Amino acid sequence: MNRQKGKVYLIGAGPGDPGLVTIKGMECIKKADVVVYDYLAAPALLNFARHDAEIIYVGKKRW
């Protein structure tokens, strides 16, 4: 079995204002290989992801 080591960071979307994300949160987005986000995340935050990062939308909105 091939096990990859890595880290997972959970970054809260807060009230949705991208200006309120923490510096640590922004650093994590900039370094991430994969960014998993839901509808609460401000779309502007994705602009900070690496161009080669995998971006995955998971929805999570109650209809």
Protein backbone atom coordinates (compact mmCIF):
# COMPACT_ATOMS: atom_id res chain seq x y z
CA MET A 1 0.00 0.00 0.00
CA ASN A 2 1.37 3.39 -1.02
CA ARG A 3 0.73 5.96 1.72
CA GLN A 4 1.43 9.60 1.05
CA LYS A 5 2.29 11.93 3.89
CA GLY A 6 0.89 15.41 3.98
CA LYS A 7 -1.05 17.93 5.97
CA VAL A 8 -4.63 19.10 5.89
CA TYR A 9 -5.59 22.60 6.99
CA LEU A 10 -9.17 23.67 7.57
CA ILE A 11 -9.66 27.35 6.85
CA GLY A 12 -12.94 28.88 7.97
CA ALA A 13 -14.87 31.02 5.51
CA GLY A 14 -16.13 33.29 8.29
CA PRO A 15 -18.75 35.78 7.13
CA GLY A 16 -17.60 35.43 3.53
CA ASP A 17 -15.40 38.53 3.26
CA PRO A 18 -12.05 37.47 1.71
CA GLY A 19 -10.38 40.38 3.52
CA LEU A 20 -10.99 38.63 6.83
CA VAL A 21 -9.04 35.45 6.11
CA THR A 22 -6.04 35.04 8.42
CA ILE A 23 -2.49 35.36 7.16
CA LYS A 24 -1.91 31.70 8.02
CA GLY A 25 -5.03 30.74 6.06
CA MET A 26 -3.86 32.69 3.01
CA GLU A 27 -0.40 31.10 3.22
CA CYS A 28 -2.01 27.66 3.28
CA ILE A 29 -4.09 28.42 0.18
CA LYS A 30 -1.02 29.69 -1.67
CA LYS A 31 0.97 26.51 -0.90
CA ALA A 32 -1.79 23.92 -1.31
CA ASP A 33 -1.60 21.13 -3.88
CA VAL A 34 -5.37 20.68 -3.54
CA VAL A 35 -8.02 23.20 -2.44
CA VAL A 36 -11.41 21.78 -1.45
CA TYR A 37 -14.09 24.42 -0.96
CA ASP A 38 -17.82 24.84 -0.56
CA TYR A 39 -20.35 27.57 -1.29
CA LEU A 40 -19.38 29.53 1.86
CA ALA A 41 -15.90 30.31 0.53
CA ALA A 42 -15.51 33.66 -1.20
CA PRO A 43 -14.58 33.00 -4.86
CA ALA A 44 -11.81 35.63 -4.59
CA LEU A 45 -9.90 33.31 -2.24
CA LEU A 46 -9.39 30.85 -5.09
CA ASN A 47 -7.37 33.49 -6.95
CA PHE A 48 -4.60 32.90 -4.40
CA ALA A 49 -4.31 29.18 -5.17
CA ARG A 50 -1.36 28.00 -7.24
CA HIS A 51 -2.06 27.75 -10.97
CA ASP A 52 -1.32 24.02 -10.84
CA ALA A 53 -3.39 23.31 -7.71
CA GLU A 54 -6.33 20.98 -8.02
CA ILE A 55 -9.50 22.92 -7.14
CA ILE A 56 -12.47 20.82 -5.95
CA TYR A 57 -15.94 22.23 -5.30
CA VAL A 58 -17.90 20.13 -2.83
CA GLY A 59 -21.16 22.07 -2.75
CA LYS A 60 -22.50 21.54 0.77
CA LYS A 61 -25.54 23.71 0.30
CA ARG A 62 -28.88 22.62 1.63
CA TRP A 63 -31.64 22.95 -0.96
